[in-house]
Amino acid sequence: MKKRILVVYTGGTIGMVMTDAGYAPDSGFERKMREAQNDWPEVGAALDWSWLAVEPPIDSADMTQRHWLEMRDRIVAALAQEAHDGVVVLHGTDTLAYTASALAFLLRGLPAPVVLTGAMRPAGQPDTDAWGNLFGSMLAYREALSPGVHVYFHGRLLPGARVTKLHSDLDDAFHVLRPESLPLQPLRQQIPFDYRTRVQEVKLAVAPLYPGLRAEVLRALLSGGVQGAVLECYGTGTGPAGDATLMDVLRQAVARGVVIVGISQCPAGRMAPGQYAAGSLLRQAGVLPSGGMTREAALGKLFCLLGAGVSAADMAFWWECNLCGEHGQ
């Protein structure tokens, strides 16, 4: 029996056309896809697919939390209306890893697997990688995919909550560089969200540490109603702990209820905050360590936990839990 796939087109390079201002999103990609499928007979032999387009198409550089929530709602509604074995989301590559991580949390518990893909060059170019990525992601459903969110790119299937974009112009753009592997914990407490949970938009910030960062700059970033922040720390989770004023800024923000989580700035790094005194002091200031979590996963997890109403007091417990593979699989 053929498997049935829902293809969700959000825009991105894969469907762009050249305009006077450069490449821009375009409608009408479904027709191009059906024509291109003639060169991929194995797709039609194994799969049937239906089409769902986000209108107007989105340049992924414009992606927001609102788009993620709308994407989640459209996918859930479409699957409730008609049974599908899986979903393929066509997405721009600039923020594909962010969306994959966000959807990994937003769609937690969804029975059908979801695969995101895109292209480094538009489908209309002779040397495009679009059809290999698109039809390859669909053909991945010939095997039994595990539930959850995945990324298919350049012939590889990657975990959605662990992937990051490493290259800006190579076909092999997406990788998993932080191979931390923790089990999905069996929890006595009910996880506070799944694909049916109402999630609100959240004010988030990302703050990289760097030599010479002034306390007033960090204070300005953490003010204005920010609910959560990702602090990009040095190495294994250190920072300028000798700057008492800057450390006070962190403590004061945490005291106001701002959830601050730390990740490593190193592309393949992980947090081990007890290894150095400078890391221990950040932990004492209230910064929650994230192990080997990526920036994309940390933002997605903060968004979903805070957006689902998890309190700052409960955040430390849920932050350590491996909810959808963000700590490895």
Protein backbone atom coordinates (compact mmCIF):
# COMPACT_ATOMS: atom_id res chain seq x y z
CA MET A 1 0.00 0.00 0.00
CA LYS A 2 1.29 3.44 -0.89
CA LYS A 3 2.10 5.84 1.92
CA ARG A 4 0.37 9.21 1.92
CA ILE A 5 2.44 12.32 2.54
CA LEU A 6 1.35 15.90 3.24
CA VAL A 7 3.70 18.39 1.57
CA VAL A 8 3.66 21.82 3.24
CA TYR A 9 5.20 24.62 1.20
CA THR A 10 6.26 27.66 3.24
CA GLY A 11 8.57 29.30 0.70
CA GLY A 12 12.35 29.57 0.71
CA THR A 13 15.08 29.29 -1.89
CA ILE A 14 13.67 26.01 -3.22
CA GLY A 15 10.73 27.83 -4.82
CA MET A 16 12.22 31.27 -5.46
CA VAL A 17 12.41 33.00 -8.82
CA MET A 18 14.66 35.79 -10.00
CA THR A 19 13.24 39.32 -9.78
CA ASP A 20 14.73 42.76 -10.33
CA ALA A 21 15.62 42.81 -6.62
CA GLY A 22 17.13 39.30 -6.62
CA TYR A 23 15.64 35.93 -5.71
CA ALA A 24 12.22 36.21 -4.03
CA PRO A 25 9.51 33.76 -2.88
CA ASP A 26 7.05 32.62 -5.53
CA SER A 27 3.76 30.74 -5.69
CA GLY A 28 3.06 27.97 -8.18
CA PHE A 29 5.64 25.49 -6.91
CA GLU A 30 3.17 22.58 -6.81
CA ARG A 31 2.97 22.50 -10.61
CA LYS A 32 6.77 22.49 -10.91
CA MET A 33 6.98 19.68 -8.38
CA ARG A 34 4.50 17.48 -10.23
CA GLU A 35 6.38 18.03 -13.49
CA ALA A 36 9.73 17.22 -11.87
CA GLN A 37 8.30 14.04 -10.36
CA ASN A 38 8.26 12.53 -13.86
CA ASP A 39 12.03 12.12 -13.48
CA TRP A 40 11.55 10.35 -10.13
CA PRO A 41 9.22 7.40 -10.91
CA GLU A 42 10.07 5.73 -7.59
CA VAL A 43 8.23 8.54 -5.79
CA GLY A 44 4.93 7.85 -7.55
CA ALA A 45 5.41 4.11 -7.11
CA ALA A 46 5.78 4.38 -3.33
CA LEU A 47 3.85 7.49 -2.33
CA ASP A 48 0.77 9.59 -2.84
CA TRP A 49 0.95 13.17 -1.68
CA SER A 50 -1.30 16.14 -1.07
CA TRP A 51 -0.38 19.81 -1.08
CA LEU A 52 -0.72 22.57 1.52
CA ALA A 53 0.74 26.00 0.74
CA VAL A 54 1.34 28.86 3.13
CA GLU A 55 0.22 32.00 1.33
CA PRO A 56 1.96 34.23 0.69
CA PRO A 57 5.24 32.26 0.67
CA ILE A 58 7.72 33.29 3.35
CA ASP A 59 11.35 34.25 2.96
CA SER A 60 12.75 32.29 5.90
CA ALA A 61 14.78 35.33 6.98
CA ASP A 62 11.39 36.78 8.00
CA MET A 63 10.45 33.74 10.13
CA THR A 64 8.87 34.50 13.52
CA GLN A 65 7.29 32.65 16.42
CA ARG A 66 3.90 33.50 14.95
CA HIS A 67 4.84 31.66 11.76
CA TRP A 68 5.88 28.61 13.79
CA LEU A 69 2.56 28.56 15.60
CA GLU A 70 0.62 28.96 12.36
CA MET A 71 2.67 26.18 10.78
CA ARG A 72 1.95 23.90 13.74
CA ASP A 73 -1.77 24.67 13.60
CA ARG A 74 -2.00 24.09 9.83
CA ILE A 75 -0.21 20.74 10.07
CA VAL A 76 -2.31 19.53 12.99
CA ALA A 77 -5.57 20.64 11.32
CA ALA A 78 -4.66 19.02 8.00
CA LEU A 79 -3.79 15.71 9.66
CA ALA A 80 -7.02 15.79 11.67
CA GLN A 81 -9.00 16.30 8.46
CA GLU A 82 -7.29 13.57 6.43
CA ALA A 83 -4.98 10.76 7.53
CA HIS A 84 -1.37 10.96 6.36
CA ASP A 85 1.65 8.80 7.13
CA GLY A 86 3.94 11.78 7.37
CA VAL A 87 4.62 15.43 6.59
CA VAL A 88 7.31 17.10 4.47
CA VAL A 89 7.84 20.82 5.10
CA LEU A 90 9.59 22.88 2.40
CA HIS A 91 11.44 25.72 4.09
CA GLY A 92 14.13 28.30 3.44
CA THR A 93 17.57 27.30 4.66
CA ASP A 94 18.46 30.49 6.57
CA THR A 95 16.24 29.62 9.52
CA LEU A 96 15.41 25.98 8.76
CA ALA A 97 17.33 24.72 11.80
CA TYR A 98 15.46 27.18 14.07
CA THR A 99 12.11 26.04 12.70
CA ALA A 100 13.07 22.37 12.98
CA SER A 101 13.94 22.83 16.65
CA ALA A 102 10.81 24.87 17.38
CA LEU A 103 8.55 22.35 15.64
CA ALA A 104 10.27 19.48 17.46
CA PHE A 105 8.80 20.92 20.65
CA LEU A 106 5.56 22.34 19.23
CA LEU A 107 4.66 19.04 17.55
CA ARG A 108 5.77 16.79 20.42
CA GLY A 109 3.55 13.72 20.49
CA LEU A 110 2.24 14.11 16.94
CA PRO A 111 1.71 10.56 15.61
CA ALA A 112 3.03 11.37 12.11
CA PRO A 113 6.74 12.09 11.56
CA VAL A 114 7.66 15.48 10.11
CA VAL A 115 10.64 16.06 7.78
CA LEU A 116 11.91 19.55 6.88
CA THR A 117 13.93 20.16 3.75
CA GLY A 118 14.84 22.94 1.34
CA ALA A 119 17.48 23.84 -1.21
CA MET A 120 20.63 25.90 -1.53
CA ARG A 121 19.71 26.83 -5.11
CA PRO A 122 16.24 27.39 -6.63
CA ALA A 123 14.49 24.52 -8.37
CA GLY A 124 14.66 26.37 -11.68
CA GLN A 125 18.46 26.33 -11.84
CA PRO A 126 20.13 23.56 -13.89
CA ASP A 127 22.45 22.63 -10.99
CA THR A 128 19.76 22.78 -8.31
CA ASP A 129 19.82 20.50 -5.29
CA ALA A 130 16.07 21.05 -4.81
CA TRP A 131 14.68 17.84 -6.28
CA GLY A 132 17.22 15.57 -4.62
CA ASN A 133 16.36 17.06 -1.24
CA LEU A 134 12.61 17.18 -1.80
CA PHE A 135 12.06 13.76 -3.32
CA GLY A 136 14.74 12.26 -1.10
CA SER A 137 12.87 13.48 1.98
CA MET A 138 9.67 11.92 0.65
CA LEU A 139 11.36 8.63 -0.18
CA ALA A 140 12.67 8.47 3.39
CA TYR A 141 9.12 7.47 4.31
CA ARG A 142 9.60 4.15 2.53
CA GLU A 143 11.34 3.15 5.77
CA ALA A 144 9.75 3.35 9.20
CA LEU A 145 10.58 6.85 10.42
CA SER A 146 10.43 7.45 14.15
CA PRO A 147 7.87 10.02 15.34
CA GLY A 148 9.20 13.51 15.77
CA VAL A 149 10.80 16.17 13.60
CA HIS A 150 13.69 15.44 11.24
CA VAL A 151 15.72 17.36 8.66
CA TYR A 152 16.61 15.76 5.32
CA PHE A 153 19.42 17.42 3.42
CA HIS A 154 22.09 16.25 0.98
CA GLY A 155 21.14 12.60 1.36
CA ARG A 156 21.13 12.53 5.17
CA LEU A 157 18.32 12.37 7.72
CA LEU A 158 19.14 14.44 10.81
CA PRO A 159 17.36 14.95 14.15
CA GLY A 160 15.40 18.19 14.06
CA ALA A 161 16.27 19.29 17.60
CA ARG A 162 20.02 18.76 17.10
CA VAL A 163 20.71 20.19 13.67
CA THR A 164 22.45 23.45 12.79
CA LYS A 165 23.36 25.18 9.54
CA LEU A 166 27.14 25.09 9.19
CA HIS A 167 27.69 26.32 5.61
CA SER A 168 26.16 29.24 3.73
CA ASP A 169 26.88 28.01 0.21
CA LEU A 170 27.60 24.25 0.24
CA ASP A 171 24.98 21.63 -0.56
CA ASP A 172 25.98 19.76 2.61
CA ALA A 173 24.90 22.72 4.72
CA PHE A 174 23.32 21.06 7.76
CA HIS A 175 25.10 19.01 10.41
CA VAL A 176 24.86 17.70 13.95
CA LEU A 177 28.05 18.94 15.63
CA ARG A 178 27.16 18.29 19.25
CA PRO A 179 26.84 14.52 19.60
CA GLU A 180 25.76 14.55 23.23
CA SER A 181 23.50 11.57 23.80
CA LEU A 182 21.07 11.41 26.69
CA PRO A 183 18.04 9.12 26.92
CA LEU A 184 14.50 10.44 26.68
CA GLN A 185 13.60 10.34 30.36
CA PRO A 186 10.54 8.43 31.56
CA LEU A 187 8.90 11.14 33.64
CA ARG A 188 6.37 10.78 36.40
CA GLN A 189 5.28 14.35 35.83
CA GLN A 190 3.21 15.06 32.76
CA ILE A 191 5.23 17.01 30.20
CA PRO A 192 3.58 20.44 30.14
CA PHE A 193 2.93 20.62 26.40
CA ASP A 194 2.31 18.61 23.26
CA TYR A 195 1.03 19.36 19.77
CA ARG A 196 -2.43 20.23 21.13
CA THR A 197 -1.24 22.75 23.74
CA ARG A 198 -1.98 26.43 23.31
CA VAL A 199 1.38 28.24 23.17
CA GLN A 200 1.78 32.01 23.33
CA GLU A 201 4.47 34.11 21.70
CA VAL A 202 7.34 34.91 24.07
CA LYS A 203 9.87 37.76 24.28
CA LEU A 204 13.29 36.13 24.01
CA ALA A 205 16.85 37.40 23.68
CA VAL A 206 20.22 35.93 22.70
CA ALA A 207 23.30 37.39 24.38
CA PRO A 208 26.79 36.29 23.33
CA LEU A 209 29.53 36.87 25.88
CA TYR A 210 32.64 38.58 24.52
CA PRO A 211 35.69 40.33 25.96
CA GLY A 212 34.70 43.82 27.04
CA LEU A 213 30.94 43.21 27.32
CA ARG A 214 29.67 45.99 29.56
CA ALA A 215 27.08 45.42 32.24
CA GLU A 216 24.83 48.22 30.98
CA VAL A 217 24.66 46.61 27.53
CA LEU A 218 23.58 43.28 29.00
CA ARG A 219 21.14 45.05 31.33
CA ALA A 220 19.49 46.80 28.38
CA LEU A 221 19.14 43.50 26.53
CA LEU A 222 17.55 41.75 29.51
CA SER A 223 15.07 44.54 30.24
CA GLY A 224 11.94 45.60 28.37
CA GLY A 225 9.83 42.62 29.32
CA VAL A 226 12.19 39.88 28.14
CA GLN A 227 10.97 36.55 29.53
CA GLY A 228 13.88 34.33 28.59
CA ALA A 229 17.41 34.63 27.26
CA VAL A 230 20.08 32.37 25.81
CA LEU A 231 23.51 33.32 27.14
CA GLU A 232 26.25 32.14 24.79
CA CYS A 233 29.13 31.32 27.11
CA TYR A 234 32.79 30.59 26.49
CA GLY A 235 34.04 27.02 26.14
CA THR A 236 32.47 24.71 28.70
CA GLY A 237 30.28 27.42 30.17
CA THR A 238 32.51 30.14 31.57
CA GLY A 239 32.10 33.89 31.51
CA PRO A 240 33.46 37.10 33.06
CA ALA A 241 32.69 36.04 36.63
CA GLY A 242 35.25 38.56 37.87
CA ASP A 243 33.00 41.41 36.69
CA ALA A 244 30.82 41.84 39.77
CA THR A 245 28.56 44.41 38.10
CA LEU A 246 27.82 42.12 35.17
CA MET A 247 27.13 39.20 37.49
CA ASP A 248 24.71 41.41 39.42
CA VAL A 249 22.86 42.12 36.17
CA LEU A 250 22.34 38.39 35.70
CA ARG A 251 21.20 37.87 39.30
CA GLN A 252 18.78 40.79 39.12
CA ALA A 253 17.27 39.54 35.87
CA VAL A 254 16.77 36.05 37.32
CA ALA A 255 15.21 37.60 40.43
CA ARG A 256 12.72 39.41 38.15
CA GLY A 257 11.70 36.05 36.67
CA VAL A 258 13.78 36.12 33.49
CA VAL A 259 14.84 32.57 32.61
CA ILE A 260 18.49 32.63 31.50
CA VAL A 261 19.99 29.50 29.98
CA GLY A 262 23.60 29.02 28.98
CA ILE A 263 25.03 27.30 25.91
CA SER A 264 28.58 26.96 24.62
CA GLN A 265 29.75 29.31 21.89
CA CYS A 266 31.88 26.48 20.46
CA PRO A 267 30.21 24.88 17.42
CA ALA A 268 30.82 21.39 18.84
CA GLY A 269 30.94 22.42 22.50
CA ARG A 270 28.92 21.54 25.55
CA MET A 271 28.34 23.09 28.96
CA ALA A 272 30.23 21.70 31.96
CA PRO A 273 29.85 24.66 34.31
CA GLY A 274 31.41 22.96 37.34
CA GLN A 275 34.74 22.47 35.59
CA TYR A 276 35.94 26.04 36.19
CA ALA A 277 35.15 28.52 38.95
CA ALA A 278 34.01 31.06 36.35
CA GLY A 279 31.37 28.59 35.21
CA SER A 280 30.26 27.74 38.74
CA LEU A 281 29.68 31.42 39.47
CA LEU A 282 27.45 31.78 36.42
CA ARG A 283 25.43 28.82 37.68
CA GLN A 284 25.18 30.43 41.11
CA ALA A 285 23.89 33.59 39.44
CA GLY A 286 20.95 31.56 38.14
CA VAL A 287 22.10 30.64 34.61
CA LEU A 288 20.73 27.19 33.72
CA PRO A 289 23.28 24.99 31.91
CA SER A 290 22.13 23.40 28.65
CA GLY A 291 24.69 20.64 28.14
CA GLY A 292 25.34 20.31 24.41
CA MET A 293 22.11 21.94 23.30
CA THR A 294 22.32 24.13 20.19
CA ARG A 295 21.28 27.77 20.10
CA GLU A 296 18.36 26.78 17.88
CA ALA A 297 17.16 24.11 20.31
CA ALA A 298 17.63 26.36 23.34
CA LEU A 299 15.50 29.08 21.74
CA GLY A 300 12.84 26.59 20.67
CA LYS A 301 12.66 24.97 24.10
CA LEU A 302 12.49 28.33 25.91
CA PHE A 303 9.75 29.45 23.54
CA CYS A 304 7.63 26.34 24.06
CA LEU A 305 8.09 26.01 27.83
CA LEU A 306 7.48 29.68 28.57
CA GLY A 307 4.78 29.95 25.91
CA ALA A 308 2.96 26.98 27.43
CA GLY A 309 2.92 28.71 30.81
CA VAL A 310 5.72 26.88 32.64
CA SER A 311 6.81 29.06 35.54
CA ALA A 312 10.36 30.27 36.08
CA ALA A 313 10.40 28.24 39.30
CA ASP A 314 9.70 24.99 37.42
CA MET A 315 11.99 25.75 34.51
CA ALA A 316 15.16 24.24 36.03
CA PHE A 317 13.53 20.80 36.24
CA TRP A 318 12.16 20.81 32.70
CA TRP A 319 15.33 22.33 31.27
CA GLU A 320 17.36 19.29 32.30
CA CYS A 321 14.82 16.86 30.82
CA ASN A 322 15.39 15.50 27.33
CA LEU A 323 11.90 16.15 25.95
CA CYS A 324 12.29 15.58 22.21
CA GLY A 325 15.92 14.76 21.53
CA GLU A 326 17.38 18.20 22.20
CA HIS A 327 20.05 16.57 24.38
CA GLY A 328 20.74 13.87 21.78
CA GLN A 329 19.06 10.63 20.81
